[in-house]
Amino acid sequence: MWQLPLRHARVAACLLLAMSDKEISAVTGLTLSTVRTYVKAIYKAAEVHSRVALMRASIAPRRHAP
């Protein structure tokens, strides 16, 4: 899907489980600030601007023209 570092991928998986930033922080042991930074990086990598758009992109990834 997207090429993400391991910690970012863990946060992305939590986002796709509809977890809040606070829940992700508690589960991963990352600070809330770090979670929010990772979320922004994940959105950028996925070319989206929201959790709903991330979920949609994970189900039907965009196809780029060759």
Protein backbone atom coordinates (compact mmCIF):
# COMPACT_ATOMS: atom_id res chain seq x y z
CA MET A 1 0.00 0.00 0.00
CA TRP A 2 2.16 2.88 1.27
CA GLN A 3 5.82 2.73 2.14
CA LEU A 4 5.96 3.69 5.82
CA PRO A 5 8.54 3.23 8.57
CA LEU A 6 7.56 0.53 11.08
CA ARG A 7 6.33 2.91 13.81
CA HIS A 8 4.30 4.88 11.29
CA ALA A 9 2.80 1.62 10.01
CA ARG A 10 1.76 0.67 13.56
CA VAL A 11 0.04 4.04 13.96
CA ALA A 12 -1.60 3.65 10.52
CA ALA A 13 -2.95 0.25 11.56
CA CYS A 14 -4.43 1.82 14.69
CA LEU A 15 -6.00 4.60 12.60
CA LEU A 16 -7.62 1.98 10.38
CA LEU A 17 -9.08 0.43 13.54
CA ALA A 18 -10.71 3.82 14.22
CA MET A 19 -8.64 4.45 17.34
CA SER A 20 -8.31 7.99 18.70
CA ASP A 21 -4.93 9.69 19.04
CA LYS A 22 -5.08 9.15 22.81
CA GLU A 23 -5.84 5.44 22.36
CA ILE A 24 -2.98 5.09 19.88
CA SER A 25 -0.66 6.82 22.32
CA ALA A 26 -1.65 4.43 25.11
CA VAL A 27 -1.29 1.31 22.96
CA THR A 28 2.00 2.23 21.30
CA GLY A 29 3.69 4.04 24.17
CA LEU A 30 4.28 7.08 21.95
CA THR A 31 3.55 10.56 23.21
CA LEU A 32 0.38 12.22 21.98
CA SER A 33 2.52 14.78 20.15
CA THR A 34 4.45 12.04 18.35
CA VAL A 35 1.23 10.27 17.38
CA ARG A 36 -0.10 13.48 15.86
CA THR A 37 3.16 14.01 13.96
CA TYR A 38 2.99 10.46 12.61
CA VAL A 39 -0.66 10.89 11.63
CA LYS A 40 0.28 13.94 9.54
CA ALA A 41 3.10 11.98 7.88
CA ILE A 42 0.75 9.07 7.16
CA TYR A 43 -1.83 11.41 5.61
CA LYS A 44 0.90 12.92 3.42
CA ALA A 45 2.12 9.48 2.28
CA ALA A 46 -1.44 8.38 1.52
CA GLU A 47 -2.27 11.73 -0.12
CA VAL A 48 -5.33 12.24 2.10
CA HIS A 49 -6.47 14.82 4.63
CA SER A 50 -8.66 12.85 7.04
CA ARG A 51 -9.15 9.50 8.75
CA VAL A 52 -12.19 8.75 6.62
CA ALA A 53 -10.22 9.42 3.45
CA LEU A 54 -7.40 7.20 4.78
CA MET A 55 -9.87 4.38 5.35
CA ARG A 56 -11.29 4.81 1.85
CA ALA A 57 -7.80 4.87 0.34
CA SER A 58 -6.88 1.69 2.20
CA ILE A 59 -9.88 -0.10 0.71
CA ALA A 60 -9.57 1.22 -2.83
CA PRO A 61 -6.08 2.67 -3.36
CA ARG A 62 -5.71 5.30 -6.03
CA ARG A 63 -4.20 4.11 -9.27
CA HIS A 64 -1.65 6.44 -10.75
CA ALA A 65 -1.32 6.62 -14.52
CA PRO A 66 1.78 4.84 -15.88
